[in-house]
Amino acid sequence: MDLKTRISAFAELGTRLPAIMTGSLPEQAFQANNWFTKSEVDRALKAWTQLLTASNLFRWTDLYNIREGLSNKNVLVITAGNIPLVGFHDFVSVLITGNRFVGKLSSRDDILLTAIAGELIKIEPHFSELIHSGELSTSPDAVIATGSNNSSRYFQTEYGHIRHIIRKNRSSAAVVDGNETHEDLRNLACDILQYYGLGCRSVSHLFLPAGYSPENLVEPLNSYTETDPCASFSNNHRFQKARLSLLNIPFINTDPVLLVENESLHSPIGIVHYSYYTDKQNLLTELMPYKTEIQCLCGHKSGNTELLPYGTAQKPELWDYADQMDTMEFLINI
């Protein structure tokens, strides 16, 4: 099965994704993980439907020298379960490079990927030889593992002796400059609230210019209606509101999240931190040492900085890699 055949199969899969999510599958996914509401499952599927086109796949793979005829390597992929199909990019990357996907899927996100893998095999039966679940009888040739800072230490101990990509906790931030339009702020609300703020690309910290009122964000956040009601998210909001009140920590209450002045890049679910800066370029320079903690920065571009436009944090392209680690380059050089 050559690269062109693999690309054709994934492009066909992209056209079938909406139809896959019928019947009882969405409910099964929700029962396994009650953060996987219909709105967020649909969001993930829509994103992948747009990404898995022949033109996108050729543009992506043309960036690399993917050699044919080599033996398939066993790539163990350990996935997280925080948002729907969070491990799907690794799944596509492993298979598009001609390697064997050995999945150790999170029990919180195994239903969707398993169903999609089954559909891919229907499209191109040869993929059945390249998709494996369960334990291997031998050690894998490479490992891609995603988890928390704690689990990363286990992954390093267990798999540090072989080729690996090990991803830790990251979060995202936005640099507000005060020149945002109402549309910008609505898009920023999307960056904060899509997937209920659970993703590493979810904005959890706002850098505000000195004198800027965080009250400007209340209306855009309150008017965000693109997610279904989620009991777990609502419970976090109530818990954090009660906790902050008991501790006499000031906060700004919006319907979905609480805004709290705090220097930390990482915030609990239900809270978005904010802090102030006086010079945007100095701030971006000061953030350089924290690049290993930040997945992406949103805001208006300034000079040569790589700020993502508001509303695009949760819309990576195929060639945008988690933790800025080029998964494809890693896979073709195992």
C-alpha atoms as a PDB file:
ATOM      1  CA  MET A   1       0.000   0.000   0.000  1.00  0.00           C
ATOM      2  CA  ASP A   2       1.755   3.155  -1.200  1.00  0.00           C
ATOM      3  CA  LEU A   3       1.406   6.715   0.051  1.00  0.00           C
ATOM      4  CA  LYS A   4      -1.082   7.694  -2.653  1.00  0.00           C
ATOM      5  CA  THR A   5      -3.361   4.830  -1.619  1.00  0.00           C
ATOM      6  CA  ARG A   6      -3.122   5.797   2.033  1.00  0.00           C
ATOM      7  CA  ILE A   7      -3.941   9.426   1.242  1.00  0.00           C
ATOM      8  CA  SER A   8      -6.914   8.364  -0.872  1.00  0.00           C
ATOM      9  CA  ALA A   9      -8.241   6.224   1.976  1.00  0.00           C
ATOM     10  CA  PHE A  10      -7.960   9.013   4.548  1.00  0.00           C
ATOM     11  CA  ALA A  11      -9.566  11.507   2.181  1.00  0.00           C
ATOM     12  CA  GLU A  12     -12.503   9.117   1.765  1.00  0.00           C
ATOM     13  CA  LEU A  13     -12.621   8.707   5.537  1.00  0.00           C
ATOM     14  CA  GLY A  14     -12.983  12.480   5.841  1.00  0.00           C
ATOM     15  CA  THR A  15     -16.130  12.399   3.732  1.00  0.00           C
ATOM     16  CA  ARG A  16     -17.594   9.601   5.865  1.00  0.00           C
ATOM     17  CA  LEU A  17     -16.937  11.044   9.311  1.00  0.00           C
ATOM     18  CA  PRO A  18     -20.312  12.830   9.679  1.00  0.00           C
ATOM     19  CA  ALA A  19     -22.201   9.643   8.816  1.00  0.00           C
ATOM     20  CA  ILE A  20     -20.153   7.582  11.273  1.00  0.00           C
ATOM     21  CA  MET A  21     -21.543   9.551  14.196  1.00  0.00           C
ATOM     22  CA  THR A  22     -25.067   8.224  13.964  1.00  0.00           C
ATOM     23  CA  GLY A  23     -27.035   5.730  15.991  1.00  0.00           C
ATOM     24  CA  SER A  24     -25.861   5.033  19.511  1.00  0.00           C
ATOM     25  CA  LEU A  25     -22.188   5.983  19.076  1.00  0.00           C
ATOM     26  CA  PRO A  26     -22.412   9.562  20.439  1.00  0.00           C
ATOM     27  CA  GLU A  27     -24.313   8.343  23.486  1.00  0.00           C
ATOM     28  CA  GLN A  28     -21.726   5.594  24.071  1.00  0.00           C
ATOM     29  CA  ALA A  29     -18.955   8.191  23.924  1.00  0.00           C
ATOM     30  CA  PHE A  30     -20.847  10.407  26.372  1.00  0.00           C
ATOM     31  CA  GLN A  31     -21.441   7.523  28.788  1.00  0.00           C
ATOM     32  CA  ALA A  32     -17.702   6.779  28.790  1.00  0.00           C
ATOM     33  CA  ASN A  33     -16.835  10.454  29.326  1.00  0.00           C
ATOM     34  CA  ASN A  34     -19.535  12.926  30.330  1.00  0.00           C
ATOM     35  CA  TRP A  35     -17.435  15.848  29.045  1.00  0.00           C
ATOM     36  CA  PHE A  36     -18.036  14.472  25.532  1.00  0.00           C
ATOM     37  CA  THR A  37     -21.317  16.228  24.868  1.00  0.00           C
ATOM     38  CA  LYS A  38     -22.783  16.228  21.376  1.00  0.00           C
ATOM     39  CA  SER A  39     -21.584  19.761  20.631  1.00  0.00           C
ATOM     40  CA  GLU A  40     -17.945  18.899  21.365  1.00  0.00           C
ATOM     41  CA  VAL A  41     -17.979  15.539  19.572  1.00  0.00           C
ATOM     42  CA  ASP A  42     -19.520  17.263  16.548  1.00  0.00           C
ATOM     43  CA  ARG A  43     -16.892  20.004  16.809  1.00  0.00           C
ATOM     44  CA  ALA A  44     -14.043  17.498  16.688  1.00  0.00           C
ATOM     45  CA  LEU A  45     -15.595  15.576  13.784  1.00  0.00           C
ATOM     46  CA  LYS A  46     -16.244  18.748  11.798  1.00  0.00           C
ATOM     47  CA  ALA A  47     -12.620  19.805  12.264  1.00  0.00           C
ATOM     48  CA  TRP A  48     -11.331  16.476  10.996  1.00  0.00           C
ATOM     49  CA  THR A  49     -13.781  16.429   8.110  1.00  0.00           C
ATOM     50  CA  GLN A  50     -12.257  19.730   6.974  1.00  0.00           C
ATOM     51  CA  LEU A  51      -8.679  18.530   7.497  1.00  0.00           C
ATOM     52  CA  LEU A  52      -8.913  15.141   5.799  1.00  0.00           C
ATOM     53  CA  THR A  53      -9.047  16.237   2.180  1.00  0.00           C
ATOM     54  CA  ALA A  54      -6.780  14.993  -0.588  1.00  0.00           C
ATOM     55  CA  SER A  55      -5.320  18.472  -1.165  1.00  0.00           C
ATOM     56  CA  ASN A  56      -4.557  18.941   2.540  1.00  0.00           C
ATOM     57  CA  LEU A  57      -3.036  15.484   2.881  1.00  0.00           C
ATOM     58  CA  PHE A  58      -0.817  15.903  -0.190  1.00  0.00           C
ATOM     59  CA  ARG A  59       0.262  19.365   0.952  1.00  0.00           C
ATOM     60  CA  TRP A  60       1.178  17.933   4.355  1.00  0.00           C
ATOM     61  CA  THR A  61       3.014  14.829   3.178  1.00  0.00           C
ATOM     62  CA  ASP A  62       4.856  16.734   0.424  1.00  0.00           C
ATOM     63  CA  LEU A  63       6.797  18.452   3.211  1.00  0.00           C
ATOM     64  CA  TYR A  64       8.557  15.160   3.982  1.00  0.00           C
ATOM     65  CA  ASN A  65      10.564  12.436   2.313  1.00  0.00           C
ATOM     66  CA  ILE A  66       8.285   9.501   3.098  1.00  0.00           C
ATOM     67  CA  ARG A  67      10.100   6.473   1.788  1.00  0.00           C
ATOM     68  CA  GLU A  68       8.212   3.435   0.589  1.00  0.00           C
ATOM     69  CA  GLY A  69       9.184  -0.204   0.847  1.00  0.00           C
ATOM     70  CA  LEU A  70      10.616  -0.064   4.353  1.00  0.00           C
ATOM     71  CA  SER A  71       9.397  -2.436   7.045  1.00  0.00           C
ATOM     72  CA  ASN A  72       6.558  -1.075   9.141  1.00  0.00           C
ATOM     73  CA  LYS A  73       7.675   0.046  12.589  1.00  0.00           C
ATOM     74  CA  ASN A  74       5.547  -0.613  15.649  1.00  0.00           C
ATOM     75  CA  VAL A  75       4.651   2.766  17.131  1.00  0.00           C
ATOM     76  CA  LEU A  76       2.975   2.608  20.520  1.00  0.00           C
ATOM     77  CA  VAL A  77       0.611   5.558  20.913  1.00  0.00           C
ATOM     78  CA  ILE A  78      -0.645   6.285  24.436  1.00  0.00           C
ATOM     79  CA  THR A  79      -3.499   8.743  24.212  1.00  0.00           C
ATOM     80  CA  ALA A  80      -5.068  11.197  26.622  1.00  0.00           C
ATOM     81  CA  GLY A  81      -8.831  11.417  27.085  1.00  0.00           C
ATOM     82  CA  ASN A  82      -9.458  15.082  27.772  1.00  0.00           C
ATOM     83  CA  ILE A  83     -11.205  16.079  24.520  1.00  0.00           C
ATOM     84  CA  PRO A  84     -12.817  14.007  21.743  1.00  0.00           C
ATOM     85  CA  LEU A  85     -10.337  12.388  19.345  1.00  0.00           C
ATOM     86  CA  VAL A  86      -7.381  14.099  21.009  1.00  0.00           C
ATOM     87  CA  GLY A  87      -5.095  11.278  19.807  1.00  0.00           C
ATOM     88  CA  PHE A  88      -6.381  11.223  16.236  1.00  0.00           C
ATOM     89  CA  HIS A  89      -3.545  13.317  14.792  1.00  0.00           C
ATOM     90  CA  ASP A  90      -1.054  10.723  16.048  1.00  0.00           C
ATOM     91  CA  PHE A  91      -3.241   7.975  14.562  1.00  0.00           C
ATOM     92  CA  VAL A  92      -3.224   9.641  11.137  1.00  0.00           C
ATOM     93  CA  SER A  93       0.484  10.492  11.313  1.00  0.00           C
ATOM     94  CA  VAL A  94       1.567   6.960  12.163  1.00  0.00           C
ATOM     95  CA  LEU A  95      -0.507   5.364   9.414  1.00  0.00           C
ATOM     96  CA  ILE A  96       0.117   7.940   6.697  1.00  0.00           C
ATOM     97  CA  THR A  97       3.863   7.355   7.103  1.00  0.00           C
ATOM     98  CA  GLY A  98       3.339   3.617   6.585  1.00  0.00           C
ATOM     99  CA  ASN A  99       4.012   2.580  10.170  1.00  0.00           C
ATOM    100  CA  ARG A 100       1.933   0.351  12.423  1.00  0.00           C
ATOM    101  CA  PHE A 101      -0.318   2.061  14.968  1.00  0.00           C
ATOM    102  CA  VAL A 102      -0.287   0.234  18.297  1.00  0.00           C
ATOM    103  CA  GLY A 103      -2.939   1.986  20.327  1.00  0.00           C
ATOM    104  CA  LYS A 104      -3.091   2.183  24.090  1.00  0.00           C
ATOM    105  CA  LEU A 105      -6.210   4.292  24.162  1.00  0.00           C
ATOM    106  CA  SER A 106      -7.569   6.164  27.140  1.00  0.00           C
ATOM    107  CA  SER A 107     -10.705   4.473  28.429  1.00  0.00           C
ATOM    108  CA  ARG A 108     -12.240   7.953  28.352  1.00  0.00           C
ATOM    109  CA  ASP A 109     -11.746   8.300  24.598  1.00  0.00           C
ATOM    110  CA  ASP A 110     -11.550   4.858  23.001  1.00  0.00           C
ATOM    111  CA  ILE A 111     -15.021   4.553  21.474  1.00  0.00           C
ATOM    112  CA  LEU A 112     -14.748   7.217  18.780  1.00  0.00           C
ATOM    113  CA  LEU A 113     -11.266   6.302  17.575  1.00  0.00           C
ATOM    114  CA  THR A 114     -12.104   2.593  17.512  1.00  0.00           C
ATOM    115  CA  ALA A 115     -15.188   3.246  15.370  1.00  0.00           C
ATOM    116  CA  ILE A 116     -13.258   5.482  12.974  1.00  0.00           C
ATOM    117  CA  ALA A 117     -10.439   2.943  12.684  1.00  0.00           C
ATOM    118  CA  GLY A 118     -13.025   0.331  11.759  1.00  0.00           C
ATOM    119  CA  GLU A 119     -14.383   2.581   9.008  1.00  0.00           C
ATOM    120  CA  LEU A 120     -10.874   3.186   7.664  1.00  0.00           C
ATOM    121  CA  ILE A 121     -10.349  -0.571   7.393  1.00  0.00           C
ATOM    122  CA  LYS A 122     -13.620  -0.879   5.457  1.00  0.00           C
ATOM    123  CA  ILE A 123     -12.321   1.720   3.007  1.00  0.00           C
ATOM    124  CA  GLU A 124      -8.891   0.114   2.663  1.00  0.00           C
ATOM    125  CA  PRO A 125      -8.642  -3.419   4.151  1.00  0.00           C
ATOM    126  CA  HIS A 126      -4.829  -3.341   4.116  1.00  0.00           C
ATOM    127  CA  PHE A 127      -4.983  -1.006   7.108  1.00  0.00           C
ATOM    128  CA  SER A 128      -6.092  -3.980   9.209  1.00  0.00           C
ATOM    129  CA  GLU A 129      -2.443  -5.055   9.173  1.00  0.00           C
ATOM    130  CA  LEU A 130      -1.327  -1.647  10.460  1.00  0.00           C
ATOM    131  CA  ILE A 131      -3.797  -1.037  13.299  1.00  0.00           C
ATOM    132  CA  HIS A 132      -3.258  -2.965  16.499  1.00  0.00           C
ATOM    133  CA  SER A 133      -4.705  -2.650  19.994  1.00  0.00           C
ATOM    134  CA  GLY A 134      -3.612  -4.411  23.138  1.00  0.00           C
ATOM    135  CA  GLU A 135      -0.215  -5.503  24.361  1.00  0.00           C
ATOM    136  CA  LEU A 136       2.639  -6.327  22.001  1.00  0.00           C
ATOM    137  CA  SER A 137       4.671  -9.496  22.404  1.00  0.00           C
ATOM    138  CA  THR A 138       7.826  -7.445  21.826  1.00  0.00           C
ATOM    139  CA  SER A 139       8.900  -3.907  22.686  1.00  0.00           C
ATOM    140  CA  PRO A 140       7.661  -1.177  20.347  1.00  0.00           C
ATOM    141  CA  ASP A 141      10.099   0.524  17.998  1.00  0.00           C
ATOM    142  CA  ALA A 142       8.934   3.963  19.109  1.00  0.00           C
ATOM    143  CA  VAL A 143       6.482   5.567  21.529  1.00  0.00           C
ATOM    144  CA  ILE A 144       4.287   8.651  21.411  1.00  0.00           C
ATOM    145  CA  ALA A 145       2.773   9.256  24.848  1.00  0.00           C
ATOM    146  CA  THR A 146       0.563  12.111  25.975  1.00  0.00           C
ATOM    147  CA  GLY A 147      -0.380  12.752  29.579  1.00  0.00           C
ATOM    148  CA  SER A 148       0.182  14.830  32.682  1.00  0.00           C
ATOM    149  CA  ASN A 149       3.486  15.916  34.189  1.00  0.00           C
ATOM    150  CA  ASN A 150       3.153  13.007  36.620  1.00  0.00           C
ATOM    151  CA  SER A 151       2.444  10.376  33.974  1.00  0.00           C
ATOM    152  CA  SER A 152       5.283  11.712  31.829  1.00  0.00           C
ATOM    153  CA  ARG A 153       7.748  10.623  34.514  1.00  0.00           C
ATOM    154  CA  TYR A 154       6.372   7.087  34.288  1.00  0.00           C
ATOM    155  CA  PHE A 155       6.546   7.189  30.480  1.00  0.00           C
ATOM    156  CA  GLN A 156      10.157   8.372  30.667  1.00  0.00           C
ATOM    157  CA  THR A 157      11.082   5.537  33.024  1.00  0.00           C
ATOM    158  CA  GLU A 158       9.245   2.904  30.998  1.00  0.00           C
ATOM    159  CA  TYR A 159      10.116   4.016  27.461  1.00  0.00           C
ATOM    160  CA  GLY A 160      13.034   6.414  27.786  1.00  0.00           C
ATOM    161  CA  HIS A 161      15.423   3.842  26.329  1.00  0.00           C
ATOM    162  CA  ILE A 162      13.688   3.796  22.921  1.00  0.00           C
ATOM    163  CA  ARG A 163      12.789   6.574  20.481  1.00  0.00           C
ATOM    164  CA  HIS A 164       9.960   8.578  21.946  1.00  0.00           C
ATOM    165  CA  ILE A 165       7.862  11.701  22.058  1.00  0.00           C
ATOM    166  CA  ILE A 166       6.527  12.323  25.560  1.00  0.00           C
ATOM    167  CA  ARG A 167       4.119  15.205  25.994  1.00  0.00           C
ATOM    168  CA  LYS A 168       3.399  16.880  29.353  1.00  0.00           C
ATOM    169  CA  ASN A 169       0.904  19.430  30.649  1.00  0.00           C
ATOM    170  CA  ARG A 170       0.565  22.589  28.591  1.00  0.00           C
ATOM    171  CA  SER A 171      -1.949  25.383  28.387  1.00  0.00           C
ATOM    172  CA  SER A 172      -2.526  28.378  26.162  1.00  0.00           C
ATOM    173  CA  ALA A 173      -2.792  32.108  26.688  1.00  0.00           C
ATOM    174  CA  ALA A 174      -3.927  35.257  24.947  1.00  0.00           C
ATOM    175  CA  VAL A 175      -2.195  38.634  24.775  1.00  0.00           C
ATOM    176  CA  VAL A 176      -4.929  41.273  24.742  1.00  0.00           C
ATOM    177  CA  ASP A 177      -3.714  44.675  23.511  1.00  0.00           C
ATOM    178  CA  GLY A 178      -6.873  46.741  24.025  1.00  0.00           C
ATOM    179  CA  ASN A 179      -7.543  47.208  20.308  1.00  0.00           C
ATOM    180  CA  GLU A 180      -9.811  44.185  20.034  1.00  0.00           C
ATOM    181  CA  THR A 181     -13.104  44.503  18.223  1.00  0.00           C
ATOM    182  CA  HIS A 182     -16.274  42.963  19.580  1.00  0.00           C
ATOM    183  CA  GLU A 183     -15.774  40.133  17.082  1.00  0.00           C
ATOM    184  CA  ASP A 184     -12.223  39.579  18.380  1.00  0.00           C
ATOM    185  CA  LEU A 185     -13.537  39.206  21.926  1.00  0.00           C
ATOM    186  CA  ARG A 186     -16.261  36.803  20.822  1.00  0.00           C
ATOM    187  CA  ASN A 187     -13.606  34.732  19.093  1.00  0.00           C
ATOM    188  CA  LEU A 188     -11.463  34.866  22.226  1.00  0.00           C
ATOM    189  CA  ALA A 189     -14.428  33.441  24.129  1.00  0.00           C
ATOM    190  CA  CYS A 190     -14.354  30.519  21.690  1.00  0.00           C
ATOM    191  CA  ASP A 191     -10.647  29.983  22.403  1.00  0.00           C
ATOM    192  CA  ILE A 192     -11.451  29.865  26.114  1.00  0.00           C
ATOM    193  CA  LEU A 193     -14.644  27.808  26.147  1.00  0.00           C
ATOM    194  CA  GLN A 194     -14.515  25.303  23.294  1.00  0.00           C
ATOM    195  CA  TYR A 195     -14.113  21.783  24.703  1.00  0.00           C
ATOM    196  CA  TYR A 196     -14.954  23.365  28.088  1.00  0.00           C
ATOM    197  CA  GLY A 197     -11.387  24.604  28.450  1.00  0.00           C
ATOM    198  CA  LEU A 198     -10.016  21.067  28.784  1.00  0.00           C
ATOM    199  CA  GLY A 199      -7.550  21.106  25.879  1.00  0.00           C
ATOM    200  CA  CYS A 200      -3.924  22.156  25.906  1.00  0.00           C
ATOM    201  CA  ARG A 201      -4.916  24.679  23.220  1.00  0.00           C
ATOM    202  CA  SER A 202      -7.621  26.158  25.469  1.00  0.00           C
ATOM    203  CA  VAL A 203      -6.795  29.695  26.600  1.00  0.00           C
ATOM    204  CA  SER A 204      -6.516  29.678  30.388  1.00  0.00           C
ATOM    205  CA  HIS A 205      -4.586  32.921  30.975  1.00  0.00           C
ATOM    206  CA  LEU A 206      -5.186  36.439  29.685  1.00  0.00           C
ATOM    207  CA  PHE A 207      -2.414  39.021  29.566  1.00  0.00           C
ATOM    208  CA  LEU A 208      -4.130  42.404  29.745  1.00  0.00           C
ATOM    209  CA  PRO A 209      -2.580  45.841  29.133  1.00  0.00           C
ATOM    210  CA  ALA A 210      -2.264  47.977  32.236  1.00  0.00           C
ATOM    211  CA  GLY A 211      -5.522  49.790  32.909  1.00  0.00           C
ATOM    212  CA  TYR A 212      -7.633  47.412  30.841  1.00  0.00           C
ATOM    213  CA  SER A 213     -10.838  46.310  32.550  1.00  0.00           C
ATOM    214  CA  PRO A 214     -11.488  42.561  32.533  1.00  0.00           C
ATOM    215  CA  GLU A 215     -15.174  43.509  32.704  1.00  0.00           C
ATOM    216  CA  ASN A 216     -14.883  43.981  28.922  1.00  0.00           C
ATOM    217  CA  LEU A 217     -14.810  40.189  28.646  1.00  0.00           C
ATOM    218  CA  VAL A 218     -18.008  39.516  30.582  1.00  0.00           C
ATOM    219  CA  GLU A 219     -20.468  40.036  27.743  1.00  0.00           C
ATOM    220  CA  PRO A 220     -18.526  37.995  25.124  1.00  0.00           C
ATOM    221  CA  LEU A 221     -18.178  35.117  27.600  1.00  0.00           C
ATOM    222  CA  ASN A 222     -21.794  35.282  28.733  1.00  0.00           C
ATOM    223  CA  SER A 223     -23.053  35.300  25.142  1.00  0.00           C
ATOM    224  CA  TYR A 224     -21.094  32.204  24.114  1.00  0.00           C
ATOM    225  CA  THR A 225     -23.633  29.473  23.333  1.00  0.00           C
ATOM    226  CA  GLU A 226     -21.731  27.008  21.162  1.00  0.00           C
ATOM    227  CA  THR A 227     -21.404  24.239  23.764  1.00  0.00           C
ATOM    228  CA  ASP A 228     -24.128  22.011  25.143  1.00  0.00           C
ATOM    229  CA  PRO A 229     -24.879  22.140  28.880  1.00  0.00           C
ATOM    230  CA  CYS A 230     -22.356  20.002  30.741  1.00  0.00           C
ATOM    231  CA  ALA A 231     -22.985  19.020  34.365  1.00  0.00           C
ATOM    232  CA  SER A 232     -19.291  18.541  35.126  1.00  0.00           C
ATOM    233  CA  PHE A 233     -18.453  21.997  33.799  1.00  0.00           C
ATOM    234  CA  SER A 234     -21.291  23.611  35.766  1.00  0.00           C
ATOM    235  CA  ASN A 235     -20.206  21.775  38.926  1.00  0.00           C
ATOM    236  CA  ASN A 236     -16.668  23.108  38.541  1.00  0.00           C
ATOM    237  CA  HIS A 237     -18.031  26.630  38.182  1.00  0.00           C
ATOM    238  CA  ARG A 238     -20.071  26.337  41.387  1.00  0.00           C
ATOM    239  CA  PHE A 239     -17.228  24.707  43.313  1.00  0.00           C
ATOM    240  CA  GLN A 240     -14.667  27.314  42.304  1.00  0.00           C
ATOM    241  CA  LYS A 241     -17.076  30.149  43.064  1.00  0.00           C
ATOM    242  CA  ALA A 242     -17.686  28.774  46.565  1.00  0.00           C
ATOM    243  CA  ARG A 243     -13.969  28.140  47.160  1.00  0.00           C
ATOM    244  CA  LEU A 244     -12.931  31.645  46.114  1.00  0.00           C
ATOM    245  CA  SER A 245     -15.679  33.171  48.226  1.00  0.00           C
ATOM    246  CA  LEU A 246     -14.568  31.252  51.319  1.00  0.00           C
ATOM    247  CA  LEU A 247     -10.962  32.306  50.733  1.00  0.00           C
ATOM    248  CA  ASN A 248     -11.965  35.938  50.123  1.00  0.00           C
ATOM    249  CA  ILE A 249     -10.248  35.886  46.733  1.00  0.00           C
ATOM    250  CA  PRO A 250     -11.799  38.485  44.388  1.00  0.00           C
ATOM    251  CA  PHE A 251     -13.232  37.239  41.102  1.00  0.00           C
ATOM    252  CA  ILE A 252     -15.401  38.391  38.233  1.00  0.00           C
ATOM    253  CA  ASN A 253     -18.350  36.097  37.706  1.00  0.00           C
ATOM    254  CA  THR A 254     -19.457  35.201  34.196  1.00  0.00           C
ATOM    255  CA  ASP A 255     -21.961  32.475  33.387  1.00  0.00           C
ATOM    256  CA  PRO A 256     -19.385  29.963  32.134  1.00  0.00           C
ATOM    257  CA  VAL A 257     -16.155  30.882  33.983  1.00  0.00           C
ATOM    258  CA  LEU A 258     -14.707  33.007  36.760  1.00  0.00           C
ATOM    259  CA  LEU A 259     -12.037  35.591  35.972  1.00  0.00           C
ATOM    260  CA  VAL A 260      -9.337  35.731  38.653  1.00  0.00           C
ATOM    261  CA  GLU A 261      -6.243  37.917  38.795  1.00  0.00           C
ATOM    262  CA  ASN A 262      -3.366  35.459  39.148  1.00  0.00           C
ATOM    263  CA  GLU A 263       0.125  35.242  37.624  1.00  0.00           C
ATOM    264  CA  SER A 264      -0.046  31.475  37.018  1.00  0.00           C
ATOM    265  CA  LEU A 265      -0.272  30.331  33.390  1.00  0.00           C
ATOM    266  CA  HIS A 266      -2.353  27.323  34.382  1.00  0.00           C
ATOM    267  CA  SER A 267      -5.818  27.661  35.873  1.00  0.00           C
ATOM    268  CA  PRO A 268      -8.353  25.164  37.251  1.00  0.00           C
ATOM    269  CA  ILE A 269     -11.339  24.224  35.131  1.00  0.00           C
ATOM    270  CA  GLY A 270     -13.984  26.916  35.621  1.00  0.00           C
ATOM    271  CA  ILE A 271     -11.409  29.690  36.137  1.00  0.00           C
ATOM    272  CA  VAL A 272      -9.469  31.879  33.721  1.00  0.00           C
ATOM    273  CA  HIS A 273      -6.495  33.757  35.136  1.00  0.00           C
ATOM    274  CA  TYR A 274      -5.496  37.238  34.066  1.00  0.00           C
ATOM    275  CA  SER A 275      -2.537  39.486  34.758  1.00  0.00           C
ATOM    276  CA  TYR A 276      -1.323  42.875  33.532  1.00  0.00           C
ATOM    277  CA  TYR A 277       1.612  44.023  31.431  1.00  0.00           C
ATOM    278  CA  THR A 278       2.952  47.438  30.423  1.00  0.00           C
ATOM    279  CA  ASP A 279       4.824  46.675  27.182  1.00  0.00           C
ATOM    280  CA  LYS A 280       3.682  43.997  24.736  1.00  0.00           C
ATOM    281  CA  GLN A 281       7.077  43.291  23.206  1.00  0.00           C
ATOM    282  CA  ASN A 282       8.718  43.016  26.630  1.00  0.00           C
ATOM    283  CA  LEU A 283       5.972  40.617  27.689  1.00  0.00           C
ATOM    284  CA  LEU A 284       6.576  38.372  24.687  1.00  0.00           C
ATOM    285  CA  THR A 285      10.295  38.362  25.474  1.00  0.00           C
ATOM    286  CA  GLU A 286       9.600  37.516  29.117  1.00  0.00           C
ATOM    287  CA  LEU A 287       7.433  34.586  28.044  1.00  0.00           C
ATOM    288  CA  MET A 288      10.226  32.946  26.027  1.00  0.00           C
ATOM    289  CA  PRO A 289      11.523  30.848  28.977  1.00  0.00           C
ATOM    290  CA  TYR A 290       7.993  29.477  29.449  1.00  0.00           C
ATOM    291  CA  LYS A 291       7.624  28.131  25.900  1.00  0.00           C
ATOM    292  CA  THR A 292       7.652  24.561  27.232  1.00  0.00           C
ATOM    293  CA  GLU A 293       4.506  25.356  29.224  1.00  0.00           C
ATOM    294  CA  ILE A 294       2.580  27.230  26.531  1.00  0.00           C
ATOM    295  CA  GLN A 295       0.933  25.395  23.652  1.00  0.00           C
ATOM    296  CA  CYS A 296      -0.126  28.512  21.770  1.00  0.00           C
ATOM    297  CA  LEU A 297      -0.519  32.253  22.196  1.00  0.00           C
ATOM    298  CA  CYS A 298      -3.450  34.159  20.716  1.00  0.00           C
ATOM    299  CA  GLY A 299      -3.682  37.836  19.906  1.00  0.00           C
ATOM    300  CA  HIS A 300      -2.942  40.455  17.276  1.00  0.00           C
ATOM    301  CA  LYS A 301       0.352  39.782  15.551  1.00  0.00           C
ATOM    302  CA  SER A 302       3.185  42.060  16.631  1.00  0.00           C
ATOM    303  CA  GLY A 303       6.429  42.178  14.680  1.00  0.00           C
ATOM    304  CA  ASN A 304       7.690  38.657  14.010  1.00  0.00           C
ATOM    305  CA  THR A 305       5.874  36.982  16.876  1.00  0.00           C
ATOM    306  CA  GLU A 306       3.779  33.906  16.190  1.00  0.00           C
ATOM    307  CA  LEU A 307       0.472  34.937  17.708  1.00  0.00           C
ATOM    308  CA  LEU A 308      -2.552  33.001  16.500  1.00  0.00           C
ATOM    309  CA  PRO A 309      -5.595  35.016  15.415  1.00  0.00           C
ATOM    310  CA  TYR A 310      -8.444  34.986  17.902  1.00  0.00           C
ATOM    311  CA  GLY A 311     -10.802  32.086  17.310  1.00  0.00           C
ATOM    312  CA  THR A 312      -8.203  29.724  15.825  1.00  0.00           C
ATOM    313  CA  ALA A 313      -6.634  28.159  18.926  1.00  0.00           C
ATOM    314  CA  GLN A 314      -8.729  25.005  18.513  1.00  0.00           C
ATOM    315  CA  LYS A 315      -8.293  24.854  14.731  1.00  0.00           C
ATOM    316  CA  PRO A 316      -4.779  23.522  14.088  1.00  0.00           C
ATOM    317  CA  GLU A 317      -3.742  22.421  10.607  1.00  0.00           C
ATOM    318  CA  LEU A 318      -2.297  18.984   9.897  1.00  0.00           C
ATOM    319  CA  TRP A 319       1.188  20.512  10.001  1.00  0.00           C
ATOM    320  CA  ASP A 320       0.687  22.141  13.402  1.00  0.00           C
ATOM    321  CA  TYR A 321       2.215  19.854  16.010  1.00  0.00           C
ATOM    322  CA  ALA A 322       1.588  19.523  19.726  1.00  0.00           C
ATOM    323  CA  ASP A 323       4.456  20.894  21.814  1.00  0.00           C
ATOM    324  CA  GLN A 324       6.112  22.038  18.546  1.00  0.00           C
ATOM    325  CA  MET A 325       7.488  18.493  18.130  1.00  0.00           C
ATOM    326  CA  ASP A 326       7.364  17.443  14.460  1.00  0.00           C
ATOM    327  CA  THR A 327       5.611  14.084  14.713  1.00  0.00           C
ATOM    328  CA  MET A 328       6.031  13.297  11.018  1.00  0.00           C
ATOM    329  CA  GLU A 329       9.777  13.927  11.035  1.00  0.00           C
ATOM    330  CA  PHE A 330      10.018  11.686  14.095  1.00  0.00           C
ATOM    331  CA  LEU A 331       8.037   8.887  12.433  1.00  0.00           C
ATOM    332  CA  ILE A 332       9.903   8.783   9.126  1.00  0.00           C
ATOM    333  CA  ASN A 333      13.238   8.553  10.962  1.00  0.00           C
ATOM    334  CA  ILE A 334      12.509   5.681  13.344  1.00  0.00           C
END
